[in-house]
Amino acid sequence: MVFDAALVDEVGKVVTEILQDCEQYAYGYWVEDTIPQSVGQLLRQKFERYVDSCADDSEETRCMKEELFYWHLRYFSLYGSFILCTNRGERNVPWTVQFVFQM
């Protein structure tokens, strides 16, 4: 499967925007009840909304967007496994978002 550069950029931009929206959690601008369970959960929910809003996309384009999204998740997972703290209990949303913005 060959990915169009514009599609790669589009998905990258969407993921970046979602992470920028998460910045509020890193800097304490949240209501305790609104903190998502994990960054991955929040990314998936918001990305799914984005994909659903692209009603004119073909099934192939939708699948490509999802594959690109999962690539980003794998990147964060692999990169994070080497860089993030070893104590899983410290991998909360505010801390993780602070880390992502310092990359």
N, C-alpha and C. Protein backbone atom coordinates (compact mmCIF):
# COMPACT_ATOMS: atom_id res chain seq x y z
N MET A 1 0.84 -1.16 0.00
CA MET A 1 0.00 0.00 0.00
C MET A 1 0.90 1.24 0.00
N VAL A 2 0.66 2.14 -0.93
CA VAL A 2 1.42 3.38 -1.03
C VAL A 2 0.55 4.53 -0.51
N PHE A 3 1.12 5.30 0.38
CA PHE A 3 0.39 6.42 0.98
C PHE A 3 0.76 7.73 0.30
N ASP A 4 -0.26 8.48 -0.07
CA ASP A 4 -0.07 9.80 -0.64
C ASP A 4 0.52 10.73 0.43
N ALA A 5 1.50 11.55 0.06
CA ALA A 5 2.15 12.44 1.02
C ALA A 5 1.15 13.40 1.67
N ALA A 6 0.18 13.85 0.91
CA ALA A 6 -0.83 14.78 1.47
C ALA A 6 -1.66 14.09 2.55
N LEU A 7 -1.96 12.81 2.35
CA LEU A 7 -2.73 12.06 3.34
C LEU A 7 -1.90 11.85 4.61
N VAL A 8 -0.62 11.55 4.44
CA VAL A 8 0.28 11.38 5.59
C VAL A 8 0.33 12.68 6.38
N ASP A 9 0.47 13.80 5.67
CA ASP A 9 0.51 15.11 6.34
C ASP A 9 -0.80 15.42 7.05
N GLU A 10 -1.93 15.10 6.41
CA GLU A 10 -3.25 15.37 6.99
C GLU A 10 -3.43 14.62 8.31
N VAL A 11 -3.12 13.34 8.30
CA VAL A 11 -3.28 12.53 9.51
C VAL A 11 -2.29 13.00 10.59
N GLY A 12 -1.08 13.31 10.20
CA GLY A 12 -0.10 13.83 11.16
C GLY A 12 -0.58 15.12 11.80
N LYS A 13 -1.20 15.98 11.00
CA LYS A 13 -1.73 17.24 11.51
C LYS A 13 -2.87 17.00 12.50
N VAL A 14 -3.75 16.06 12.17
CA VAL A 14 -4.88 15.74 13.06
C VAL A 14 -4.36 15.20 14.39
N VAL A 15 -3.40 14.29 14.35
CA VAL A 15 -2.84 13.73 15.59
C VAL A 15 -2.17 14.84 16.40
N THR A 16 -1.44 15.71 15.74
CA THR A 16 -0.78 16.82 16.43
C THR A 16 -1.80 17.74 17.08
N GLU A 17 -2.89 18.04 16.37
CA GLU A 17 -3.94 18.90 16.93
C GLU A 17 -4.59 18.25 18.15
N ILE A 18 -4.81 16.95 18.10
CA ILE A 18 -5.40 16.25 19.24
C ILE A 18 -4.45 16.35 20.44
N LEU A 19 -3.17 16.14 20.20
CA LEU A 19 -2.20 16.23 21.29
C LEU A 19 -2.10 17.65 21.83
N GLN A 20 -2.22 18.63 20.95
CA GLN A 20 -2.20 20.02 21.42
C GLN A 20 -3.43 20.31 22.28
N ASP A 21 -4.57 19.73 21.92
CA ASP A 21 -5.76 19.86 22.75
C ASP A 21 -5.53 19.25 24.13
N CYS A 22 -4.70 18.23 24.18
CA CYS A 22 -4.40 17.55 25.44
C CYS A 22 -3.50 18.39 26.34
N GLU A 23 -2.91 19.41 25.79
CA GLU A 23 -1.98 20.23 26.56
C GLU A 23 -2.61 20.76 27.85
N GLN A 24 -3.91 20.97 27.82
CA GLN A 24 -4.61 21.45 29.01
C GLN A 24 -4.39 20.53 30.21
N TYR A 25 -4.26 19.23 29.96
CA TYR A 25 -4.07 18.28 31.04
C TYR A 25 -2.67 18.37 31.64
N ALA A 26 -1.71 18.76 30.81
CA ALA A 26 -0.33 18.87 31.29
C ALA A 26 -0.14 20.08 32.18
N TYR A 27 -0.91 21.10 31.95
CA TYR A 27 -0.70 22.34 32.67
C TYR A 27 -1.78 22.66 33.69
N GLY A 28 -2.61 21.69 34.00
CA GLY A 28 -3.57 21.84 35.08
C GLY A 28 -4.86 22.54 34.73
N TYR A 29 -5.17 22.70 33.45
CA TYR A 29 -6.41 23.37 33.05
C TYR A 29 -7.50 22.35 32.79
N TRP A 30 -7.91 21.63 33.81
CA TRP A 30 -8.92 20.61 33.63
C TRP A 30 -9.76 20.49 34.90
N VAL A 31 -10.90 19.88 34.71
CA VAL A 31 -11.75 19.49 35.83
C VAL A 31 -11.44 18.02 36.07
N GLU A 32 -11.22 17.66 37.31
CA GLU A 32 -10.77 16.30 37.65
C GLU A 32 -11.60 15.21 36.97
N ASP A 33 -12.92 15.40 36.86
CA ASP A 33 -13.78 14.38 36.27
C ASP A 33 -13.60 14.23 34.76
N THR A 34 -12.94 15.19 34.12
CA THR A 34 -12.83 15.16 32.66
C THR A 34 -11.52 14.54 32.18
N ILE A 35 -10.64 14.18 33.08
CA ILE A 35 -9.36 13.60 32.65
C ILE A 35 -9.63 12.22 32.06
N PRO A 36 -9.20 12.00 30.80
CA PRO A 36 -9.41 10.68 30.20
C PRO A 36 -8.57 9.61 30.89
N GLN A 37 -8.96 8.38 30.66
CA GLN A 37 -8.26 7.26 31.27
C GLN A 37 -6.81 7.19 30.81
N SER A 38 -6.58 7.49 29.54
CA SER A 38 -5.23 7.46 28.99
C SER A 38 -5.17 8.35 27.76
N VAL A 39 -3.96 8.70 27.38
CA VAL A 39 -3.77 9.48 26.16
C VAL A 39 -4.22 8.66 24.95
N GLY A 40 -3.93 7.37 24.96
CA GLY A 40 -4.34 6.51 23.86
C GLY A 40 -5.85 6.49 23.67
N GLN A 41 -6.58 6.41 24.78
CA GLN A 41 -8.04 6.43 24.71
C GLN A 41 -8.54 7.74 24.12
N LEU A 42 -7.97 8.85 24.57
CA LEU A 42 -8.37 10.16 24.08
C LEU A 42 -8.04 10.31 22.60
N LEU A 43 -6.85 9.87 22.21
CA LEU A 43 -6.47 9.93 20.79
C LEU A 43 -7.44 9.13 19.94
N ARG A 44 -7.75 7.91 20.37
CA ARG A 44 -8.65 7.06 19.59
C ARG A 44 -10.04 7.69 19.45
N GLN A 45 -10.58 8.21 20.55
CA GLN A 45 -11.92 8.81 20.51
C GLN A 45 -11.95 10.00 19.55
N LYS A 46 -10.99 10.89 19.69
CA LYS A 46 -10.99 12.09 18.86
C LYS A 46 -10.67 11.76 17.40
N PHE A 47 -9.79 10.79 17.18
CA PHE A 47 -9.47 10.42 15.80
C PHE A 47 -10.67 9.76 15.13
N GLU A 48 -11.38 8.94 15.88
CA GLU A 48 -12.58 8.31 15.33
C GLU A 48 -13.61 9.37 14.93
N ARG A 49 -13.76 10.40 15.76
CA ARG A 49 -14.67 11.49 15.39
C ARG A 49 -14.22 12.18 14.10
N TYR A 50 -12.92 12.37 13.98
CA TYR A 50 -12.38 12.98 12.76
C TYR A 50 -12.68 12.10 11.54
N VAL A 51 -12.40 10.81 11.64
CA VAL A 51 -12.65 9.91 10.51
C VAL A 51 -14.13 9.88 10.16
N ASP A 52 -14.98 9.85 11.16
CA ASP A 52 -16.42 9.85 10.92
C ASP A 52 -16.89 11.14 10.24
N SER A 53 -16.18 12.24 10.49
CA SER A 53 -16.56 13.51 9.88
C SER A 53 -16.16 13.58 8.39
N CYS A 54 -15.36 12.64 7.95
CA CYS A 54 -14.90 12.60 6.55
C CYS A 54 -15.79 11.65 5.76
N ALA A 55 -17.07 11.96 5.68
CA ALA A 55 -18.07 11.07 5.08
C ALA A 55 -17.81 10.78 3.61
N ASP A 56 -17.12 11.69 2.92
CA ASP A 56 -16.88 11.51 1.49
C ASP A 56 -15.67 10.63 1.18
N ASP A 57 -14.93 10.21 2.19
CA ASP A 57 -13.76 9.36 1.97
C ASP A 57 -14.18 7.97 1.48
N SER A 58 -13.38 7.43 0.59
CA SER A 58 -13.60 6.05 0.17
C SER A 58 -13.18 5.12 1.31
N GLU A 59 -13.58 3.89 1.21
CA GLU A 59 -13.20 2.90 2.23
C GLU A 59 -11.68 2.75 2.26
N GLU A 60 -11.04 2.80 1.11
CA GLU A 60 -9.58 2.69 1.04
C GLU A 60 -8.91 3.86 1.77
N THR A 61 -9.42 5.08 1.54
CA THR A 61 -8.84 6.24 2.21
C THR A 61 -9.04 6.16 3.71
N ARG A 62 -10.21 5.73 4.12
CA ARG A 62 -10.48 5.57 5.56
C ARG A 62 -9.50 4.57 6.18
N CYS A 63 -9.30 3.45 5.50
CA CYS A 63 -8.36 2.43 6.00
C CYS A 63 -6.94 2.98 6.07
N MET A 64 -6.56 3.76 5.07
CA MET A 64 -5.22 4.36 5.06
C MET A 64 -5.06 5.33 6.23
N LYS A 65 -6.08 6.13 6.49
CA LYS A 65 -6.02 7.06 7.62
C LYS A 65 -5.88 6.30 8.92
N GLU A 66 -6.62 5.22 9.07
CA GLU A 66 -6.53 4.42 10.29
C GLU A 66 -5.15 3.79 10.44
N GLU A 67 -4.59 3.29 9.34
CA GLU A 67 -3.25 2.71 9.39
C GLU A 67 -2.22 3.76 9.80
N LEU A 68 -2.34 4.95 9.24
CA LEU A 68 -1.42 6.03 9.60
C LEU A 68 -1.58 6.42 11.08
N PHE A 69 -2.81 6.45 11.54
CA PHE A 69 -3.07 6.75 12.94
C PHE A 69 -2.42 5.70 13.84
N TYR A 70 -2.58 4.43 13.50
CA TYR A 70 -1.98 3.37 14.31
C TYR A 70 -0.47 3.41 14.25
N TRP A 71 0.08 3.89 13.14
CA TRP A 71 1.53 4.08 13.08
C TRP A 71 1.95 5.09 14.14
N HIS A 72 1.21 6.20 14.26
CA HIS A 72 1.52 7.21 15.27
C HIS A 72 1.43 6.61 16.67
N LEU A 73 0.41 5.80 16.92
CA LEU A 73 0.29 5.17 18.25
C LEU A 73 1.47 4.25 18.53
N ARG A 74 1.86 3.47 17.53
CA ARG A 74 3.01 2.57 17.72
C ARG A 74 4.28 3.38 17.96
N TYR A 75 4.44 4.48 17.24
CA TYR A 75 5.61 5.34 17.43
C TYR A 75 5.66 5.85 18.87
N PHE A 76 4.52 6.38 19.36
CA PHE A 76 4.50 6.88 20.73
C PHE A 76 4.76 5.76 21.72
N SER A 77 4.22 4.59 21.45
CA SER A 77 4.41 3.46 22.35
C SER A 77 5.87 3.03 22.39
N LEU A 78 6.48 2.86 21.23
CA LEU A 78 7.89 2.45 21.18
C LEU A 78 8.81 3.52 21.74
N TYR A 79 8.59 4.74 21.31
CA TYR A 79 9.42 5.84 21.79
C TYR A 79 9.25 5.99 23.29
N GLY A 80 8.02 5.92 23.73
CA GLY A 80 7.74 6.07 25.16
C GLY A 80 8.32 4.95 26.00
N SER A 81 8.38 3.74 25.45
CA SER A 81 8.90 2.62 26.24
C SER A 81 10.38 2.80 26.54
N PHE A 82 11.08 3.57 25.72
CA PHE A 82 12.49 3.82 25.98
C PHE A 82 12.72 5.07 26.81
N ILE A 83 11.84 6.05 26.68
CA ILE A 83 12.06 7.35 27.29
C ILE A 83 11.25 7.57 28.57
N LEU A 84 10.00 7.17 28.56
CA LEU A 84 9.14 7.43 29.72
C LEU A 84 9.60 6.67 30.94
N CYS A 85 9.14 7.09 32.08
CA CYS A 85 9.54 6.44 33.33
C CYS A 85 9.17 4.97 33.31
N THR A 86 9.85 4.21 34.13
CA THR A 86 9.59 2.77 34.18
C THR A 86 8.41 2.44 35.07
N ASN A 87 8.00 3.35 35.91
CA ASN A 87 6.86 3.12 36.78
C ASN A 87 5.57 3.44 36.03
N ARG A 88 4.82 2.43 35.64
CA ARG A 88 3.59 2.63 34.87
C ARG A 88 2.58 3.53 35.58
N GLY A 89 2.62 3.55 36.88
CA GLY A 89 1.71 4.39 37.63
C GLY A 89 1.93 5.87 37.38
N GLU A 90 3.12 6.24 36.92
CA GLU A 90 3.41 7.63 36.63
C GLU A 90 3.00 8.03 35.22
N ARG A 91 2.55 7.12 34.43
CA ARG A 91 2.18 7.42 33.05
C ARG A 91 0.74 7.91 32.96
N ASN A 92 0.43 8.95 33.68
CA ASN A 92 -0.91 9.50 33.62
C ASN A 92 -0.99 10.52 32.49
N VAL A 93 -2.18 10.97 32.20
CA VAL A 93 -2.38 11.86 31.06
C VAL A 93 -1.60 13.16 31.19
N PRO A 94 -1.71 13.90 32.31
CA PRO A 94 -0.96 15.16 32.37
C PRO A 94 0.54 14.97 32.18
N TRP A 95 1.11 13.95 32.82
CA TRP A 95 2.55 13.72 32.71
C TRP A 95 2.94 13.34 31.29
N THR A 96 2.17 12.46 30.67
CA THR A 96 2.48 12.00 29.32
C THR A 96 2.40 13.14 28.33
N VAL A 97 1.39 14.00 28.45
CA VAL A 97 1.26 15.12 27.53
C VAL A 97 2.43 16.08 27.71
N GLN A 98 2.87 16.30 28.93
CA GLN A 98 4.06 17.14 29.14
C GLN A 98 5.24 16.53 28.40
N PHE A 99 5.41 15.22 28.49
CA PHE A 99 6.51 14.54 27.81
C PHE A 99 6.41 14.72 26.30
N VAL A 100 5.22 14.51 25.74
CA VAL A 100 5.05 14.59 24.28
C VAL A 100 5.42 15.97 23.78
N PHE A 101 5.06 17.01 24.51
CA PHE A 101 5.36 18.37 24.06
C PHE A 101 6.81 18.74 24.26
N GLN A 102 7.57 17.93 24.97
CA GLN A 102 8.98 18.21 25.14
C GLN A 102 9.83 17.43 24.15
N MET A 103 9.22 16.59 23.33
CA MET A 103 9.98 15.79 22.36
C MET A 103 10.61 16.67 21.31
